[in-house]
Amino acid sequence: MNGDVLLNLIVNVRGREEYVQSRIKGAINIPLFDLKYHLGLLKGKKVLLYCNMGHRSKMAAEYLRGRGIDADVISPSIS
């Protein structure tokens, strides 16, 4: 390891209204289409993504990986 600390960040990529209704404790809300505005926050971290059915989190993971961010979907759904 090169001395860098890799932090896990749990990101709920659902809309704000969905996030308010239910969320994983400690997760932050960045809706899918707002990810581009938060790349600086996500760089250098292991980003764990989730949504209701898994579709948005999969799209988010692909988008972030394409920008060099270590991202994975933590569950196919949170319904």
N, C-alpha and C. Protein backbone atom coordinates (compact mmCIF):
# COMPACT_ATOMS: atom_id res chain seq x y z
N MET A 1 0.85 -1.18 0.00
CA MET A 1 0.00 0.00 0.00
C MET A 1 0.89 1.23 0.00
N ASN A 2 0.49 2.27 -0.69
CA ASN A 2 1.34 3.45 -0.86
C ASN A 2 1.12 4.53 0.20
N GLY A 3 0.43 4.22 1.27
CA GLY A 3 0.21 5.20 2.33
C GLY A 3 -1.09 5.96 2.20
N ASP A 4 -1.77 5.84 1.07
CA ASP A 4 -3.06 6.50 0.90
C ASP A 4 -4.12 5.77 1.72
N VAL A 5 -4.99 6.51 2.31
CA VAL A 5 -6.09 5.92 3.06
C VAL A 5 -7.30 5.86 2.15
N LEU A 6 -7.84 4.67 1.97
CA LEU A 6 -9.02 4.50 1.13
C LEU A 6 -10.23 4.43 2.05
N LEU A 7 -11.10 5.42 1.95
CA LEU A 7 -12.29 5.49 2.79
C LEU A 7 -13.51 5.01 2.03
N ASN A 8 -14.37 4.29 2.70
CA ASN A 8 -15.64 3.90 2.10
C ASN A 8 -16.63 5.03 2.26
N LEU A 9 -17.38 5.28 1.21
CA LEU A 9 -18.42 6.29 1.23
C LEU A 9 -19.67 5.64 0.66
N ILE A 10 -20.73 5.57 1.44
CA ILE A 10 -21.98 4.98 0.98
C ILE A 10 -22.82 6.09 0.38
N VAL A 11 -23.22 5.89 -0.87
CA VAL A 11 -23.96 6.93 -1.60
C VAL A 11 -25.29 6.37 -2.09
N ASN A 12 -26.35 7.03 -1.68
CA ASN A 12 -27.70 6.75 -2.13
C ASN A 12 -27.91 7.60 -3.38
N VAL A 13 -28.10 6.96 -4.54
CA VAL A 13 -28.23 7.72 -5.79
C VAL A 13 -29.68 7.97 -6.19
N ARG A 14 -30.59 7.75 -5.24
CA ARG A 14 -32.01 8.03 -5.50
C ARG A 14 -32.27 9.53 -5.35
N GLY A 15 -33.46 9.94 -5.70
CA GLY A 15 -33.86 11.33 -5.54
C GLY A 15 -33.98 11.71 -4.07
N ARG A 16 -33.98 12.99 -3.80
CA ARG A 16 -34.03 13.50 -2.42
C ARG A 16 -35.25 12.98 -1.66
N GLU A 17 -36.41 12.96 -2.32
CA GLU A 17 -37.63 12.51 -1.66
C GLU A 17 -37.52 11.04 -1.24
N GLU A 18 -36.94 10.21 -2.11
CA GLU A 18 -36.76 8.80 -1.78
C GLU A 18 -35.77 8.63 -0.63
N TYR A 19 -34.71 9.43 -0.65
CA TYR A 19 -33.69 9.38 0.39
C TYR A 19 -34.29 9.71 1.76
N VAL A 20 -35.15 10.72 1.80
CA VAL A 20 -35.76 11.14 3.06
C VAL A 20 -36.67 10.03 3.61
N GLN A 21 -37.33 9.30 2.74
CA GLN A 21 -38.25 8.24 3.17
C GLN A 21 -37.52 7.07 3.82
N SER A 22 -36.39 6.66 3.24
CA SER A 22 -35.62 5.55 3.80
C SER A 22 -34.19 5.60 3.28
N ARG A 23 -33.25 5.23 4.15
CA ARG A 23 -31.84 5.26 3.75
C ARG A 23 -31.03 4.38 4.69
N ILE A 24 -29.85 4.04 4.23
CA ILE A 24 -28.89 3.31 5.06
C ILE A 24 -28.22 4.32 5.98
N LYS A 25 -28.11 3.97 7.25
CA LYS A 25 -27.48 4.86 8.21
C LYS A 25 -26.05 5.19 7.75
N GLY A 26 -25.73 6.47 7.74
CA GLY A 26 -24.41 6.93 7.34
C GLY A 26 -24.27 7.23 5.87
N ALA A 27 -25.29 6.90 5.08
CA ALA A 27 -25.23 7.17 3.64
C ALA A 27 -25.47 8.64 3.36
N ILE A 28 -24.85 9.11 2.29
CA ILE A 28 -25.14 10.46 1.82
C ILE A 28 -25.97 10.35 0.56
N ASN A 29 -26.68 11.40 0.22
CA ASN A 29 -27.54 11.41 -0.96
C ASN A 29 -26.93 12.26 -2.05
N ILE A 30 -26.60 11.61 -3.16
CA ILE A 30 -26.20 12.31 -4.38
C ILE A 30 -27.02 11.67 -5.50
N PRO A 31 -28.11 12.32 -5.93
CA PRO A 31 -28.92 11.75 -7.00
C PRO A 31 -28.07 11.46 -8.24
N LEU A 32 -28.43 10.42 -8.95
CA LEU A 32 -27.68 9.94 -10.11
C LEU A 32 -27.23 11.07 -11.02
N PHE A 33 -28.14 11.94 -11.39
CA PHE A 33 -27.81 12.97 -12.38
C PHE A 33 -27.05 14.15 -11.78
N ASP A 34 -26.77 14.11 -10.48
CA ASP A 34 -25.94 15.14 -9.84
C ASP A 34 -24.52 14.67 -9.57
N LEU A 35 -24.22 13.42 -9.87
CA LEU A 35 -22.88 12.88 -9.58
C LEU A 35 -21.77 13.72 -10.18
N LYS A 36 -21.99 14.23 -11.38
CA LYS A 36 -20.93 15.00 -12.06
C LYS A 36 -20.49 16.22 -11.26
N TYR A 37 -21.35 16.71 -10.38
CA TYR A 37 -21.01 17.88 -9.58
C TYR A 37 -20.24 17.52 -8.30
N HIS A 38 -20.09 16.24 -8.03
CA HIS A 38 -19.49 15.80 -6.77
C HIS A 38 -18.28 14.88 -6.96
N LEU A 39 -17.69 14.89 -8.14
CA LEU A 39 -16.57 14.00 -8.42
C LEU A 39 -15.40 14.26 -7.47
N GLY A 40 -15.15 15.50 -7.12
CA GLY A 40 -14.06 15.83 -6.21
C GLY A 40 -14.24 15.19 -4.85
N LEU A 41 -15.46 15.13 -4.36
CA LEU A 41 -15.76 14.50 -3.08
C LEU A 41 -15.53 12.99 -3.14
N LEU A 42 -15.78 12.40 -4.29
CA LEU A 42 -15.74 10.95 -4.43
C LEU A 42 -14.36 10.40 -4.78
N LYS A 43 -13.53 11.20 -5.41
CA LYS A 43 -12.19 10.74 -5.80
C LYS A 43 -11.38 10.33 -4.59
N GLY A 44 -10.65 9.21 -4.73
CA GLY A 44 -9.80 8.72 -3.65
C GLY A 44 -10.52 7.91 -2.61
N LYS A 45 -11.80 7.68 -2.82
CA LYS A 45 -12.59 6.89 -1.87
C LYS A 45 -13.16 5.66 -2.57
N LYS A 46 -13.46 4.66 -1.81
CA LYS A 46 -14.20 3.51 -2.30
C LYS A 46 -15.67 3.89 -2.15
N VAL A 47 -16.36 4.05 -3.27
CA VAL A 47 -17.75 4.52 -3.27
C VAL A 47 -18.68 3.32 -3.41
N LEU A 48 -19.55 3.16 -2.45
CA LEU A 48 -20.53 2.08 -2.43
C LEU A 48 -21.90 2.68 -2.71
N LEU A 49 -22.52 2.24 -3.79
CA LEU A 49 -23.74 2.86 -4.31
C LEU A 49 -24.96 1.97 -4.10
N TYR A 50 -26.10 2.62 -3.89
CA TYR A 50 -27.35 1.87 -3.85
C TYR A 50 -28.52 2.75 -4.26
N CYS A 51 -29.62 2.06 -4.63
CA CYS A 51 -30.88 2.73 -5.00
C CYS A 51 -32.01 1.75 -4.68
N ASN A 52 -33.16 1.93 -5.28
CA ASN A 52 -34.29 1.03 -5.00
C ASN A 52 -34.15 -0.33 -5.66
N MET A 53 -33.96 -0.36 -6.95
CA MET A 53 -33.97 -1.60 -7.71
C MET A 53 -32.60 -2.01 -8.26
N GLY A 54 -31.63 -1.14 -8.17
CA GLY A 54 -30.30 -1.45 -8.66
C GLY A 54 -29.93 -0.81 -9.99
N HIS A 55 -30.92 -0.30 -10.72
CA HIS A 55 -30.64 0.26 -12.05
C HIS A 55 -29.81 1.54 -11.96
N ARG A 56 -30.24 2.46 -11.13
CA ARG A 56 -29.51 3.73 -11.01
C ARG A 56 -28.13 3.53 -10.42
N SER A 57 -28.01 2.65 -9.44
CA SER A 57 -26.70 2.43 -8.83
C SER A 57 -25.74 1.78 -9.82
N LYS A 58 -26.22 0.91 -10.68
CA LYS A 58 -25.36 0.31 -11.72
C LYS A 58 -24.90 1.37 -12.71
N MET A 59 -25.81 2.24 -13.13
CA MET A 59 -25.44 3.33 -14.04
C MET A 59 -24.43 4.25 -13.38
N ALA A 60 -24.64 4.55 -12.10
CA ALA A 60 -23.73 5.43 -11.36
C ALA A 60 -22.35 4.80 -11.25
N ALA A 61 -22.29 3.50 -10.97
CA ALA A 61 -21.00 2.81 -10.85
C ALA A 61 -20.24 2.86 -12.17
N GLU A 62 -20.91 2.61 -13.27
CA GLU A 62 -20.26 2.69 -14.59
C GLU A 62 -19.74 4.09 -14.85
N TYR A 63 -20.55 5.08 -14.57
CA TYR A 63 -20.17 6.48 -14.78
C TYR A 63 -18.93 6.83 -13.96
N LEU A 64 -18.94 6.47 -12.69
CA LEU A 64 -17.82 6.81 -11.80
C LEU A 64 -16.55 6.05 -12.17
N ARG A 65 -16.68 4.77 -12.50
CA ARG A 65 -15.51 4.00 -12.92
C ARG A 65 -14.88 4.60 -14.17
N GLY A 66 -15.71 5.09 -15.05
CA GLY A 66 -15.21 5.74 -16.27
C GLY A 66 -14.44 7.01 -15.99
N ARG A 67 -14.55 7.51 -14.79
CA ARG A 67 -13.83 8.72 -14.38
C ARG A 67 -12.76 8.41 -13.34
N GLY A 68 -12.40 7.13 -13.25
CA GLY A 68 -11.31 6.72 -12.38
C GLY A 68 -11.65 6.59 -10.91
N ILE A 69 -12.93 6.52 -10.59
CA ILE A 69 -13.35 6.40 -9.19
C ILE A 69 -13.71 4.94 -8.90
N ASP A 70 -13.22 4.43 -7.79
CA ASP A 70 -13.48 3.06 -7.37
C ASP A 70 -14.91 2.98 -6.84
N ALA A 71 -15.80 2.39 -7.62
CA ALA A 71 -17.22 2.37 -7.26
C ALA A 71 -17.81 0.98 -7.45
N ASP A 72 -18.67 0.60 -6.52
CA ASP A 72 -19.38 -0.68 -6.59
C ASP A 72 -20.80 -0.50 -6.10
N VAL A 73 -21.67 -1.39 -6.56
CA VAL A 73 -23.05 -1.45 -6.09
C VAL A 73 -23.07 -2.37 -4.88
N ILE A 74 -23.63 -1.93 -3.77
CA ILE A 74 -23.59 -2.76 -2.56
C ILE A 74 -24.78 -3.68 -2.42
N SER A 75 -25.85 -3.43 -3.15
CA SER A 75 -27.01 -4.29 -3.09
C SER A 75 -27.84 -4.04 -4.34
N PRO A 76 -28.45 -5.07 -4.88
CA PRO A 76 -29.28 -4.84 -6.06
C PRO A 76 -30.50 -3.99 -5.77
N SER A 77 -30.92 -3.94 -4.52
CA SER A 77 -32.07 -3.08 -4.19
C SER A 77 -32.12 -2.80 -2.69
N ILE A 78 -32.82 -1.74 -2.36
CA ILE A 78 -33.00 -1.35 -0.96
C ILE A 78 -34.49 -1.18 -0.67
N SER A 79 -35.32 -1.91 -1.40
CA SER A 79 -36.77 -1.76 -1.21
C SER A 79 -37.27 -2.44 0.02
